Every structure is written in structure tokens, then in C-alpha cells.
Amino acid sequence: MPPRSTRPADKFDDDDYPAYTMGRAAEMLGTTPGFLRTLGEHRLITPLRSEGGHRRYSRYQLRIAARARELVDAGTPIEAACRIIILEDQLEEAQRINNELRAQGHESQPKMSG
């Protein structure tokens, strides 16, 4: 059996593996390739490029694009939607770090006996 990271099926289980072409990604999202290009222009998602130079998207990037589409469909300008998603992501990361630091703080505090 080959090492786990080299088995072909593992690539499709990887949220960051660029498995989807622009056309397929747009189809899955119910949007246009132009919408995906615009998200790239606003640096919300940066697709990887195939050897032939074609854009490839991961499942993680498709979730971000789907969130952008929700906001745009609700009337949010695309620039604002991209900024909102970036801020949501930063907030989530800050909360995760904060929780980790709190957990470490509880572990290192001496126990009070009474």
C-alpha cells in the first residue's frame, strides 16, 4: 500500500486540493466564471493554476465563494462581501487562538487547595 499522502483518493478528501476547474466550480455554485474571476481580483480566493495555466479551485475555496454568492444575492456589493468574509475569517481565527490560549492558561495555573 502506498504512503497515505500519495494515494489518489486522499487528494479528493483534502479540502485544499485544487480539484475543480473554473467551469465546474461555477456550475456547482450556480454562478459564472466571471464571478469567480472577480473574487480572485478582490483577493478573496486565489485559485491554483494547472500546468496549462487554467484556474483550479479547492472545496475550501468553493465554500468561501458560496458565502460570497449568498451575500451578493442578498444585495451586498461584491467588494463589501469580500471584505465581510475576510473579516469573518480573521475573527474566527482570533477566537480559535484565544480559546487555545485560555486552555493553556488553565492548564498552567496552580490548583488551589482548600
C-alpha atoms as a PDB file:
ATOM      1  CA  MET A   1       0.000   0.000   0.000  1.00  0.00           C
ATOM      2  CA  PRO A   2       1.495   3.412  -0.921  1.00  0.00           C
ATOM      3  CA  PRO A   3       2.022   6.014   1.795  1.00  0.00           C
ATOM      4  CA  ARG A   4      -1.217   7.729   2.742  1.00  0.00           C
ATOM      5  CA  SER A   5      -0.322  11.121   1.206  1.00  0.00           C
ATOM      6  CA  THR A   6       0.328   9.628  -2.248  1.00  0.00           C
ATOM      7  CA  ARG A   7      -2.885   7.640  -2.654  1.00  0.00           C
ATOM      8  CA  PRO A   8      -5.021   9.370  -5.334  1.00  0.00           C
ATOM      9  CA  ALA A   9      -8.256   9.250  -3.309  1.00  0.00           C
ATOM     10  CA  ASP A  10      -6.647  11.240  -0.492  1.00  0.00           C
ATOM     11  CA  LYS A  11      -6.318  14.260  -2.754  1.00  0.00           C
ATOM     12  CA  PHE A  12     -10.092  14.407  -3.105  1.00  0.00           C
ATOM     13  CA  ASP A  13     -10.536  14.139   0.663  1.00  0.00           C
ATOM     14  CA  ASP A  14      -8.231  17.152   1.073  1.00  0.00           C
ATOM     15  CA  ASP A  15     -10.199  20.424   1.413  1.00  0.00           C
ATOM     16  CA  ASP A  16      -7.251  22.333  -0.059  1.00  0.00           C
ATOM     17  CA  TYR A  17      -6.644  20.132  -3.102  1.00  0.00           C
ATOM     18  CA  PRO A  18      -7.422  22.137  -6.285  1.00  0.00           C
ATOM     19  CA  ALA A  19      -9.725  19.546  -7.845  1.00  0.00           C
ATOM     20  CA  TYR A  20     -12.259  21.752  -9.637  1.00  0.00           C
ATOM     21  CA  THR A  21     -11.944  23.616 -12.913  1.00  0.00           C
ATOM     22  CA  MET A  22     -13.383  27.100 -13.174  1.00  0.00           C
ATOM     23  CA  GLY A  23     -16.303  25.853 -15.246  1.00  0.00           C
ATOM     24  CA  ARG A  24     -17.127  23.057 -12.819  1.00  0.00           C
ATOM     25  CA  ALA A  25     -16.740  25.361  -9.807  1.00  0.00           C
ATOM     26  CA  ALA A  26     -19.070  27.951 -11.365  1.00  0.00           C
ATOM     27  CA  GLU A  27     -21.590  25.234 -12.200  1.00  0.00           C
ATOM     28  CA  MET A  28     -21.509  23.851  -8.660  1.00  0.00           C
ATOM     29  CA  LEU A  29     -22.049  27.347  -7.226  1.00  0.00           C
ATOM     30  CA  GLY A  30     -24.729  28.276  -9.742  1.00  0.00           C
ATOM     31  CA  THR A  31     -22.726  31.300 -10.822  1.00  0.00           C
ATOM     32  CA  THR A  32     -20.485  32.367 -13.696  1.00  0.00           C
ATOM     33  CA  PRO A  33     -16.739  32.043 -14.263  1.00  0.00           C
ATOM     34  CA  GLY A  34     -16.696  35.853 -14.243  1.00  0.00           C
ATOM     35  CA  PHE A  35     -17.941  35.861 -10.649  1.00  0.00           C
ATOM     36  CA  LEU A  36     -15.058  33.573  -9.654  1.00  0.00           C
ATOM     37  CA  ARG A  37     -12.565  35.777 -11.512  1.00  0.00           C
ATOM     38  CA  THR A  38     -13.930  38.806  -9.636  1.00  0.00           C
ATOM     39  CA  LEU A  39     -13.417  37.042  -6.291  1.00  0.00           C
ATOM     40  CA  GLY A  40      -9.828  36.455  -7.357  1.00  0.00           C
ATOM     41  CA  GLU A  41      -9.397  40.114  -8.332  1.00  0.00           C
ATOM     42  CA  HIS A  42     -10.577  41.103  -4.853  1.00  0.00           C
ATOM     43  CA  ARG A  43      -8.133  38.553  -3.397  1.00  0.00           C
ATOM     44  CA  LEU A  44     -10.849  36.640  -1.605  1.00  0.00           C
ATOM     45  CA  ILE A  45      -9.734  33.387  -3.209  1.00  0.00           C
ATOM     46  CA  THR A  46      -6.603  32.713  -5.213  1.00  0.00           C
ATOM     47  CA  PRO A  47      -7.010  29.624  -7.358  1.00  0.00           C
ATOM     48  CA  LEU A  48      -4.039  27.466  -8.118  1.00  0.00           C
ATOM     49  CA  ARG A  49      -3.053  27.085 -11.748  1.00  0.00           C
ATOM     50  CA  SER A  50      -2.758  23.829 -13.649  1.00  0.00           C
ATOM     51  CA  GLU A  51       0.313  23.165 -15.765  1.00  0.00           C
ATOM     52  CA  GLY A  52      -1.646  24.589 -18.689  1.00  0.00           C
ATOM     53  CA  GLY A  53      -2.412  27.787 -16.739  1.00  0.00           C
ATOM     54  CA  HIS A  54      -6.063  27.002 -16.003  1.00  0.00           C
ATOM     55  CA  ARG A  55      -7.581  28.005 -12.672  1.00  0.00           C
ATOM     56  CA  ARG A  56      -8.277  25.188 -10.216  1.00  0.00           C
ATOM     57  CA  TYR A  57     -10.356  25.552  -7.058  1.00  0.00           C
ATOM     58  CA  SER A  58     -10.430  23.574  -3.815  1.00  0.00           C
ATOM     59  CA  ARG A  59     -13.501  22.658  -1.779  1.00  0.00           C
ATOM     60  CA  TYR A  60     -12.435  25.208   0.820  1.00  0.00           C
ATOM     61  CA  GLN A  61     -12.329  27.932  -1.852  1.00  0.00           C
ATOM     62  CA  LEU A  62     -15.746  26.853  -3.128  1.00  0.00           C
ATOM     63  CA  ARG A  63     -17.203  27.267   0.381  1.00  0.00           C
ATOM     64  CA  ILE A  64     -15.791  30.807   0.522  1.00  0.00           C
ATOM     65  CA  ALA A  65     -17.162  31.562  -2.942  1.00  0.00           C
ATOM     66  CA  ALA A  66     -20.568  30.186  -1.906  1.00  0.00           C
ATOM     67  CA  ARG A  67     -20.584  32.523   1.104  1.00  0.00           C
ATOM     68  CA  ALA A  68     -19.732  35.446  -1.191  1.00  0.00           C
ATOM     69  CA  ARG A  69     -22.563  34.465  -3.511  1.00  0.00           C
ATOM     70  CA  GLU A  70     -25.014  34.389  -0.564  1.00  0.00           C
ATOM     71  CA  LEU A  71     -24.029  37.930   0.414  1.00  0.00           C
ATOM     72  CA  VAL A  72     -24.152  39.240  -3.169  1.00  0.00           C
ATOM     73  CA  ASP A  73     -27.531  37.571  -3.756  1.00  0.00           C
ATOM     74  CA  ALA A  74     -28.773  39.350  -0.620  1.00  0.00           C
ATOM     75  CA  GLY A  75     -27.804  42.698  -2.155  1.00  0.00           C
ATOM     76  CA  THR A  76     -24.324  43.231  -0.730  1.00  0.00           C
ATOM     77  CA  PRO A  77     -21.869  44.782  -3.217  1.00  0.00           C
ATOM     78  CA  ILE A  78     -19.177  42.273  -4.137  1.00  0.00           C
ATOM     79  CA  GLU A  79     -16.373  44.440  -2.697  1.00  0.00           C
ATOM     80  CA  ALA A  80     -18.187  44.591   0.637  1.00  0.00           C
ATOM     81  CA  ALA A  81     -18.985  40.863   0.540  1.00  0.00           C
ATOM     82  CA  CYS A  82     -15.291  40.046   0.083  1.00  0.00           C
ATOM     83  CA  ARG A  83     -14.332  42.327   2.978  1.00  0.00           C
ATOM     84  CA  ILE A  84     -17.017  40.817   5.232  1.00  0.00           C
ATOM     85  CA  ILE A  85     -15.788  37.293   4.542  1.00  0.00           C
ATOM     86  CA  ILE A  86     -12.171  38.258   5.187  1.00  0.00           C
ATOM     87  CA  LEU A  87     -13.175  39.856   8.497  1.00  0.00           C
ATOM     88  CA  GLU A  88     -15.292  36.838   9.456  1.00  0.00           C
ATOM     89  CA  ASP A  89     -12.303  34.592   8.784  1.00  0.00           C
ATOM     90  CA  GLN A  90      -9.976  36.813  10.836  1.00  0.00           C
ATOM     91  CA  LEU A  91     -12.469  36.860  13.712  1.00  0.00           C
ATOM     92  CA  GLU A  92     -12.824  33.076  13.644  1.00  0.00           C
ATOM     93  CA  GLU A  93      -9.031  32.660  13.707  1.00  0.00           C
ATOM     94  CA  ALA A  94      -8.655  35.152  16.575  1.00  0.00           C
ATOM     95  CA  GLN A  95     -11.340  33.334  18.577  1.00  0.00           C
ATOM     96  CA  ARG A  96      -9.619  29.987  17.964  1.00  0.00           C
ATOM     97  CA  ILE A  97      -6.274  31.367  19.156  1.00  0.00           C
ATOM     98  CA  ASN A  98      -7.941  32.998  22.163  1.00  0.00           C
ATOM     99  CA  ASN A  99      -9.576  29.702  23.141  1.00  0.00           C
ATOM    100  CA  GLU A 100      -6.272  27.861  22.822  1.00  0.00           C
ATOM    101  CA  LEU A 101      -4.514  30.433  24.999  1.00  0.00           C
ATOM    102  CA  ARG A 102      -7.272  30.237  27.604  1.00  0.00           C
ATOM    103  CA  ALA A 103      -6.983  26.458  27.672  1.00  0.00           C
ATOM    104  CA  GLN A 104      -3.207  26.700  28.095  1.00  0.00           C
ATOM    105  CA  GLY A 105      -3.666  29.256  30.873  1.00  0.00           C
ATOM    106  CA  HIS A 106      -5.989  26.928  32.788  1.00  0.00           C
ATOM    107  CA  GLU A 107      -3.530  24.061  32.425  1.00  0.00           C
ATOM    108  CA  SER A 108      -0.585  26.075  33.774  1.00  0.00           C
ATOM    109  CA  GLN A 109      -2.359  27.694  36.743  1.00  0.00           C
ATOM    110  CA  PRO A 110      -1.650  26.048  40.113  1.00  0.00           C
ATOM    111  CA  LYS A 111      -4.566  24.249  41.718  1.00  0.00           C
ATOM    112  CA  MET A 112      -5.961  25.882  44.850  1.00  0.00           C
ATOM    113  CA  SER A 113      -6.395  23.579  47.811  1.00  0.00           C
ATOM    114  CA  GLY A 114      -8.956  24.400  50.385  1.00  0.00           C
END
